[in-house]
Amino acid sequence: MTKKAFERYEKLQFPRSKMIVNESLKLGKMGQLTNPVLIAFRNFAFKAMPSNLAMKMVDKYFSYRVTKIKI
């Protein structure tokens, strides 16, 4: 039963984990920019981002309740 539950959990969790890894890689690349024009654009975009949009982005990761998954 435990093995089946872990397999089910992995099947449900993998797409979310993959999405987090991909978004992390994109943000990492943005943080590593060396082109001054792109750096200025990135900095402007983050400063101009409405706080409610930024909170939605953060909420996507921190409001997730793994205990709510139906295994």
C-alpha atoms as a PDB file:
ATOM      1  CA  MET A   1       0.000   0.000   0.000  1.00  0.00           C
ATOM      2  CA  THR A   2       2.814   2.414   0.865  1.00  0.00           C
ATOM      3  CA  LYS A   3       4.570   1.856  -2.461  1.00  0.00           C
ATOM      4  CA  LYS A   4       1.343   2.518  -4.339  1.00  0.00           C
ATOM      5  CA  ALA A   5       0.754   5.707  -2.342  1.00  0.00           C
ATOM      6  CA  PHE A   6       4.270   6.972  -3.119  1.00  0.00           C
ATOM      7  CA  GLU A   7       3.830   6.187  -6.803  1.00  0.00           C
ATOM      8  CA  ARG A   8       0.530   8.060  -6.833  1.00  0.00           C
ATOM      9  CA  TYR A   9       2.043  11.004  -4.990  1.00  0.00           C
ATOM     10  CA  GLU A  10       4.941  11.145  -7.454  1.00  0.00           C
ATOM     11  CA  LYS A  11       2.557  11.052 -10.400  1.00  0.00           C
ATOM     12  CA  LEU A  12       0.573  13.953  -8.950  1.00  0.00           C
ATOM     13  CA  GLN A  13       3.594  15.934  -7.796  1.00  0.00           C
ATOM     14  CA  PHE A  14       5.906  15.605 -10.811  1.00  0.00           C
ATOM     15  CA  PRO A  15       4.211  18.209 -13.065  1.00  0.00           C
ATOM     16  CA  ARG A  16       4.302  20.804 -10.270  1.00  0.00           C
ATOM     17  CA  SER A  17       7.934  20.042  -9.475  1.00  0.00           C
ATOM     18  CA  LYS A  18       8.867  20.306 -13.151  1.00  0.00           C
ATOM     19  CA  MET A  19       7.104  23.672 -13.424  1.00  0.00           C
ATOM     20  CA  ILE A  20       8.964  24.994 -10.363  1.00  0.00           C
ATOM     21  CA  VAL A  21      12.327  23.843 -11.724  1.00  0.00           C
ATOM     22  CA  ASN A  22      11.674  25.417 -15.138  1.00  0.00           C
ATOM     23  CA  GLU A  23      10.547  28.734 -13.631  1.00  0.00           C
ATOM     24  CA  SER A  24      13.546  28.727 -11.315  1.00  0.00           C
ATOM     25  CA  LEU A  25      15.887  28.239 -14.272  1.00  0.00           C
ATOM     26  CA  LYS A  26      14.242  31.134 -16.143  1.00  0.00           C
ATOM     27  CA  LEU A  27      14.525  33.447 -13.139  1.00  0.00           C
ATOM     28  CA  GLY A  28      18.116  32.357 -12.632  1.00  0.00           C
ATOM     29  CA  LYS A  29      18.950  33.262 -16.215  1.00  0.00           C
ATOM     30  CA  MET A  30      17.295  36.645 -15.737  1.00  0.00           C
ATOM     31  CA  GLY A  31      19.434  37.211 -12.667  1.00  0.00           C
ATOM     32  CA  GLN A  32      22.604  36.362 -14.611  1.00  0.00           C
ATOM     33  CA  LEU A  33      22.049  38.865 -17.432  1.00  0.00           C
ATOM     34  CA  THR A  34      25.109  40.843 -18.531  1.00  0.00           C
ATOM     35  CA  ASN A  35      23.624  43.056 -21.262  1.00  0.00           C
ATOM     36  CA  PRO A  36      23.077  46.507 -19.657  1.00  0.00           C
ATOM     37  CA  VAL A  37      19.926  47.153 -21.711  1.00  0.00           C
ATOM     38  CA  LEU A  38      18.368  43.836 -20.658  1.00  0.00           C
ATOM     39  CA  ILE A  39      19.393  44.430 -17.044  1.00  0.00           C
ATOM     40  CA  ALA A  40      17.696  47.823 -17.078  1.00  0.00           C
ATOM     41  CA  PHE A  41      14.567  46.325 -18.633  1.00  0.00           C
ATOM     42  CA  ARG A  42      14.503  43.489 -16.065  1.00  0.00           C
ATOM     43  CA  ASN A  43      14.926  45.898 -13.168  1.00  0.00           C
ATOM     44  CA  PHE A  44      12.218  48.200 -14.512  1.00  0.00           C
ATOM     45  CA  ALA A  45       9.829  45.292 -15.075  1.00  0.00           C
ATOM     46  CA  PHE A  46      10.231  44.040 -11.507  1.00  0.00           C
ATOM     47  CA  LYS A  47       9.838  47.519 -10.022  1.00  0.00           C
ATOM     48  CA  ALA A  48       6.785  48.257 -12.174  1.00  0.00           C
ATOM     49  CA  MET A  49       5.099  44.939 -11.387  1.00  0.00           C
ATOM     50  CA  PRO A  50       1.953  45.494  -9.318  1.00  0.00           C
ATOM     51  CA  SER A  51       2.296  44.079  -5.821  1.00  0.00           C
ATOM     52  CA  ASN A  52      -0.815  41.916  -6.200  1.00  0.00           C
ATOM     53  CA  LEU A  53       0.758  40.208  -9.237  1.00  0.00           C
ATOM     54  CA  ALA A  54       4.001  39.648  -7.348  1.00  0.00           C
ATOM     55  CA  MET A  55       2.031  38.186  -4.427  1.00  0.00           C
ATOM     56  CA  LYS A  56       0.202  35.809  -6.788  1.00  0.00           C
ATOM     57  CA  MET A  57       3.546  34.571  -8.051  1.00  0.00           C
ATOM     58  CA  VAL A  58       4.793  33.998  -4.500  1.00  0.00           C
ATOM     59  CA  ASP A  59       1.478  32.515  -3.383  1.00  0.00           C
ATOM     60  CA  LYS A  60       1.694  29.876  -6.119  1.00  0.00           C
ATOM     61  CA  TYR A  61       4.620  28.312  -4.263  1.00  0.00           C
ATOM     62  CA  PHE A  62       3.940  28.984  -0.608  1.00  0.00           C
ATOM     63  CA  SER A  63       0.199  28.399  -0.328  1.00  0.00           C
ATOM     64  CA  TYR A  64       0.425  24.877  -1.738  1.00  0.00           C
ATOM     65  CA  ARG A  65      -0.802  22.270   0.735  1.00  0.00           C
ATOM     66  CA  VAL A  66       0.724  18.882   0.060  1.00  0.00           C
ATOM     67  CA  THR A  67      -1.506  17.350   2.741  1.00  0.00           C
ATOM     68  CA  LYS A  68      -4.560  18.155   0.591  1.00  0.00           C
ATOM     69  CA  ILE A  69      -3.458  15.733  -2.158  1.00  0.00           C
ATOM     70  CA  LYS A  70      -5.821  12.798  -2.460  1.00  0.00           C
ATOM     71  CA  ILE A  71      -3.602   9.732  -2.602  1.00  0.00           C
END
